[in-house]
């Protein structure tokens, strides 16, 4: 969409950008072995995704990106996991 402002872009483009970013995280981490280069690459992608977010979705988009950053060790936060028992208890 050339010539449009971020507020005019639809959420489909935003969803695609977030999905692509999540899918690239392993490669991004491997490509940028230096922590500062990795963090810089993340920041560039983060900013690009945020530019796609309409104003009313900024807060939600920021929260989603923060959760991705936590999972990949780029932001402080608790990683939550769930234990799945192998056998059900009777």
N, C-alpha and C. Protein backbone atom coordinates (compact mmCIF):
# COMPACT_ATOMS: atom_id res chain seq x y z
N UNK A 1 0.84 -1.18 0.00
CA UNK A 1 0.00 0.00 0.00
C UNK A 1 0.88 1.24 0.00
N UNK A 2 1.16 1.76 -1.11
CA UNK A 2 1.96 2.96 -1.16
C UNK A 2 1.08 4.17 -0.99
N UNK A 3 1.64 5.19 -0.34
CA UNK A 3 0.90 6.43 -0.17
C UNK A 3 -0.13 6.40 0.95
N UNK A 4 -0.08 5.41 1.83
CA UNK A 4 -1.03 5.37 2.93
C UNK A 4 -0.30 5.65 4.23
N UNK A 5 -1.03 6.17 5.17
CA UNK A 5 -0.47 6.39 6.49
C UNK A 5 -0.71 5.15 7.33
N UNK A 6 0.03 4.97 8.43
CA UNK A 6 -0.19 3.78 9.25
C UNK A 6 -1.63 3.64 9.72
N UNK A 7 -2.31 4.74 10.00
CA UNK A 7 -3.69 4.66 10.47
C UNK A 7 -4.63 4.13 9.40
N UNK A 8 -4.24 4.23 8.13
CA UNK A 8 -5.09 3.75 7.05
C UNK A 8 -4.87 2.28 6.73
N UNK A 9 -3.78 1.71 7.21
CA UNK A 9 -3.49 0.31 6.93
C UNK A 9 -4.38 -0.58 7.77
N UNK A 10 -4.70 -1.73 7.23
CA UNK A 10 -5.58 -2.66 7.94
C UNK A 10 -4.83 -3.56 8.88
N UNK A 11 -5.55 -4.17 9.80
CA UNK A 11 -4.92 -5.07 10.77
C UNK A 11 -4.33 -6.33 10.12
N UNK A 12 -4.77 -6.68 8.90
CA UNK A 12 -4.22 -7.86 8.24
C UNK A 12 -2.73 -7.70 8.00
N UNK A 13 -2.31 -6.54 7.57
CA UNK A 13 -0.91 -6.27 7.33
C UNK A 13 -0.12 -6.32 8.64
N UNK A 14 -0.70 -5.82 9.69
CA UNK A 14 -0.06 -5.85 11.01
C UNK A 14 0.09 -7.29 11.49
N UNK A 15 -0.97 -8.08 11.37
CA UNK A 15 -0.92 -9.48 11.79
C UNK A 15 0.15 -10.24 11.02
N UNK A 16 0.24 -9.99 9.73
CA UNK A 16 1.24 -10.65 8.90
C UNK A 16 2.65 -10.25 9.33
N UNK A 17 2.85 -8.98 9.63
CA UNK A 17 4.17 -8.51 10.06
C UNK A 17 4.57 -9.13 11.39
N UNK A 18 3.64 -9.25 12.32
CA UNK A 18 3.94 -9.87 13.62
C UNK A 18 4.25 -11.35 13.44
N UNK A 19 3.47 -12.03 12.61
CA UNK A 19 3.70 -13.45 12.36
C UNK A 19 5.07 -13.67 11.70
N UNK A 20 5.42 -12.83 10.76
CA UNK A 20 6.72 -12.94 10.10
C UNK A 20 7.85 -12.69 11.09
N UNK A 21 7.68 -11.71 11.95
CA UNK A 21 8.70 -11.42 12.95
C UNK A 21 8.88 -12.61 13.88
N UNK A 22 7.79 -13.17 14.36
CA UNK A 22 7.89 -14.34 15.24
C UNK A 22 8.58 -15.49 14.54
N UNK A 23 8.26 -15.68 13.27
CA UNK A 23 8.88 -16.76 12.51
C UNK A 23 10.36 -16.55 12.24
N UNK A 24 10.81 -15.32 12.26
CA UNK A 24 12.21 -14.99 11.98
C UNK A 24 13.09 -14.94 13.22
N UNK A 25 12.51 -15.04 14.40
CA UNK A 25 13.28 -14.81 15.62
C UNK A 25 14.45 -15.78 15.79
N UNK A 26 14.28 -17.05 15.49
CA UNK A 26 15.38 -18.00 15.64
C UNK A 26 16.52 -17.64 14.69
N UNK A 27 16.19 -17.34 13.46
CA UNK A 27 17.23 -16.94 12.50
C UNK A 27 17.88 -15.63 12.90
N UNK A 28 17.09 -14.72 13.41
CA UNK A 28 17.61 -13.43 13.84
C UNK A 28 18.64 -13.63 14.96
N UNK A 29 18.31 -14.50 15.89
CA UNK A 29 19.21 -14.77 17.00
C UNK A 29 20.50 -15.43 16.52
N UNK A 30 20.39 -16.37 15.59
CA UNK A 30 21.58 -17.05 15.07
C UNK A 30 22.44 -16.13 14.23
N UNK A 31 21.80 -15.28 13.45
CA UNK A 31 22.53 -14.38 12.56
C UNK A 31 23.31 -13.33 13.34
N UNK A 32 22.72 -12.83 14.41
CA UNK A 32 23.33 -11.77 15.21
C UNK A 32 23.81 -12.37 16.54
N UNK A 33 24.98 -12.99 16.52
CA UNK A 33 25.50 -13.66 17.71
C UNK A 33 25.89 -12.67 18.80
N UNK A 34 26.23 -11.47 18.43
CA UNK A 34 26.56 -10.44 19.39
C UNK A 34 25.25 -9.88 19.96
N UNK A 35 25.14 -9.78 21.27
CA UNK A 35 23.90 -9.35 21.91
C UNK A 35 23.45 -7.97 21.44
N UNK A 36 24.40 -7.06 21.26
CA UNK A 36 24.03 -5.71 20.85
C UNK A 36 23.50 -5.69 19.41
N UNK A 37 24.10 -6.48 18.54
CA UNK A 37 23.62 -6.57 17.16
C UNK A 37 22.23 -7.21 17.12
N UNK A 38 22.03 -8.22 17.94
CA UNK A 38 20.74 -8.90 18.04
C UNK A 38 19.67 -7.92 18.54
N UNK A 39 19.98 -7.20 19.60
CA UNK A 39 19.04 -6.23 20.15
C UNK A 39 18.74 -5.12 19.15
N UNK A 40 19.73 -4.68 18.41
CA UNK A 40 19.53 -3.65 17.41
C UNK A 40 18.64 -4.15 16.27
N UNK A 41 18.88 -5.38 15.83
CA UNK A 41 18.05 -5.96 14.77
C UNK A 41 16.59 -6.08 15.24
N UNK A 42 16.42 -6.50 16.50
CA UNK A 42 15.08 -6.59 17.07
C UNK A 42 14.42 -5.21 17.10
N UNK A 43 15.15 -4.20 17.55
CA UNK A 43 14.60 -2.85 17.66
C UNK A 43 14.16 -2.33 16.30
N UNK A 44 14.93 -2.61 15.26
CA UNK A 44 14.54 -2.17 13.92
C UNK A 44 13.25 -2.83 13.48
N UNK A 45 13.13 -4.12 13.72
CA UNK A 45 11.91 -4.85 13.34
C UNK A 45 10.72 -4.42 14.20
N UNK A 46 10.97 -4.21 15.48
CA UNK A 46 9.92 -3.73 16.40
C UNK A 46 9.35 -2.41 15.89
N UNK A 47 10.24 -1.48 15.56
CA UNK A 47 9.80 -0.17 15.09
C UNK A 47 9.03 -0.27 13.78
N UNK A 48 9.47 -1.16 12.89
CA UNK A 48 8.77 -1.33 11.62
C UNK A 48 7.35 -1.86 11.85
N UNK A 49 7.20 -2.80 12.77
CA UNK A 49 5.87 -3.34 13.08
C UNK A 49 5.01 -2.25 13.71
N UNK A 50 5.58 -1.50 14.64
CA UNK A 50 4.81 -0.45 15.30
C UNK A 50 4.33 0.62 14.31
N UNK A 51 5.11 0.88 13.27
CA UNK A 51 4.66 1.85 12.25
C UNK A 51 3.44 1.35 11.51
N UNK A 52 3.24 0.04 11.46
CA UNK A 52 2.07 -0.53 10.78
C UNK A 52 0.81 -0.47 11.65
N UNK A 53 1.00 -0.33 12.95
CA UNK A 53 -0.13 -0.39 13.89
C UNK A 53 -0.93 0.90 13.87
N UNK A 54 -2.24 0.79 13.62
CA UNK A 54 -3.08 1.98 13.75
C UNK A 54 -3.06 2.47 15.19
N UNK A 55 -3.34 3.73 15.38
CA UNK A 55 -3.26 4.35 16.71
C UNK A 55 -4.04 3.57 17.76
N UNK A 56 -5.22 3.09 17.41
CA UNK A 56 -6.04 2.39 18.40
C UNK A 56 -5.48 1.01 18.75
N UNK A 57 -4.49 0.52 18.01
CA UNK A 57 -3.89 -0.78 18.30
C UNK A 57 -2.47 -0.68 18.84
N UNK A 58 -1.99 0.53 19.09
CA UNK A 58 -0.61 0.70 19.55
C UNK A 58 -0.34 -0.04 20.86
N UNK A 59 -1.21 0.13 21.82
CA UNK A 59 -0.98 -0.49 23.14
C UNK A 59 -0.99 -2.02 23.03
N UNK A 60 -1.96 -2.57 22.32
CA UNK A 60 -2.04 -4.02 22.17
C UNK A 60 -0.86 -4.57 21.38
N UNK A 61 -0.45 -3.85 20.35
CA UNK A 61 0.68 -4.28 19.54
C UNK A 61 1.97 -4.24 20.35
N UNK A 62 2.15 -3.20 21.12
CA UNK A 62 3.32 -3.08 21.98
C UNK A 62 3.38 -4.24 22.97
N UNK A 63 2.22 -4.61 23.54
CA UNK A 63 2.18 -5.73 24.49
C UNK A 63 2.54 -7.04 23.81
N UNK A 64 2.05 -7.25 22.61
CA UNK A 64 2.37 -8.48 21.88
C UNK A 64 3.86 -8.55 21.57
N UNK A 65 4.42 -7.44 21.13
CA UNK A 65 5.85 -7.42 20.82
C UNK A 65 6.69 -7.62 22.07
N UNK A 66 6.23 -7.10 23.19
CA UNK A 66 6.95 -7.30 24.45
C UNK A 66 6.97 -8.77 24.83
N UNK A 67 5.84 -9.46 24.63
CA UNK A 67 5.80 -10.89 24.95
C UNK A 67 6.77 -11.68 24.07
N UNK A 68 6.87 -11.29 22.80
CA UNK A 68 7.83 -11.94 21.90
C UNK A 68 9.24 -11.68 22.41
N UNK A 69 9.52 -10.43 22.78
CA UNK A 69 10.85 -10.07 23.27
C UNK A 69 11.20 -10.83 24.55
N UNK A 70 10.24 -11.04 25.42
CA UNK A 70 10.48 -11.80 26.65
C UNK A 70 10.83 -13.24 26.30
N UNK A 71 10.05 -13.84 25.39
CA UNK A 71 10.31 -15.23 25.01
C UNK A 71 11.71 -15.42 24.43
N UNK A 72 12.22 -14.41 23.75
CA UNK A 72 13.52 -14.53 23.08
C UNK A 72 14.65 -13.85 23.86
N UNK A 73 14.40 -13.49 25.10
CA UNK A 73 15.46 -12.97 25.95
C UNK A 73 15.87 -11.55 25.67
N UNK A 74 15.00 -10.77 25.03
CA UNK A 74 15.32 -9.38 24.70
C UNK A 74 14.67 -8.39 25.64
N UNK A 75 13.85 -8.86 26.54
CA UNK A 75 13.19 -7.99 27.52
C UNK A 75 13.04 -8.78 28.81
N UNK A 76 13.04 -8.05 29.90
CA UNK A 76 12.83 -8.69 31.20
C UNK A 76 11.37 -9.10 31.32
N UNK A 77 11.16 -10.20 31.98
CA UNK A 77 9.80 -10.66 32.22
C UNK A 77 9.82 -12.14 32.53
N UNK A 78 8.71 -12.62 33.00
CA UNK A 78 8.59 -14.01 33.37
C UNK A 78 8.09 -14.82 32.19
N UNK A 79 8.80 -15.88 31.93
CA UNK A 79 8.35 -16.82 30.90
C UNK A 79 7.47 -17.85 31.58
N UNK A 80 6.26 -17.98 31.13
CA UNK A 80 5.32 -18.92 31.74
C UNK A 80 5.28 -20.21 30.95
N UNK A 81 5.31 -21.31 31.67
CA UNK A 81 5.15 -22.62 31.05
C UNK A 81 4.11 -23.40 31.82
N UNK A 82 3.57 -24.39 31.21
CA UNK A 82 2.58 -25.23 31.86
C UNK A 82 3.08 -26.67 31.85
N UNK A 83 2.92 -27.36 32.95
CA UNK A 83 3.30 -28.76 33.00
C UNK A 83 2.13 -29.59 32.53
N UNK A 84 2.42 -30.53 31.66
CA UNK A 84 1.40 -31.44 31.18
C UNK A 84 1.76 -32.84 31.67
N UNK A 85 1.00 -33.37 32.61
CA UNK A 85 1.34 -34.69 33.15
C UNK A 85 1.23 -35.78 32.07
N UNK A 86 2.14 -36.74 32.13
CA UNK A 86 2.14 -37.83 31.15
C UNK A 86 0.95 -38.76 31.37
N UNK A 87 0.60 -38.99 32.62
CA UNK A 87 -0.51 -39.89 32.94
C UNK A 87 -1.54 -39.14 33.77
N UNK A 88 -2.78 -39.37 33.46
CA UNK A 88 -3.84 -38.76 34.27
C UNK A 88 -3.96 -39.50 35.60
N UNK A 89 -4.20 -38.73 36.62
CA UNK A 89 -4.40 -39.31 37.95
C UNK A 89 -5.87 -39.68 38.07
N UNK A 90 -6.13 -40.83 38.66
CA UNK A 90 -7.51 -41.28 38.82
C UNK A 90 -8.15 -40.71 40.04
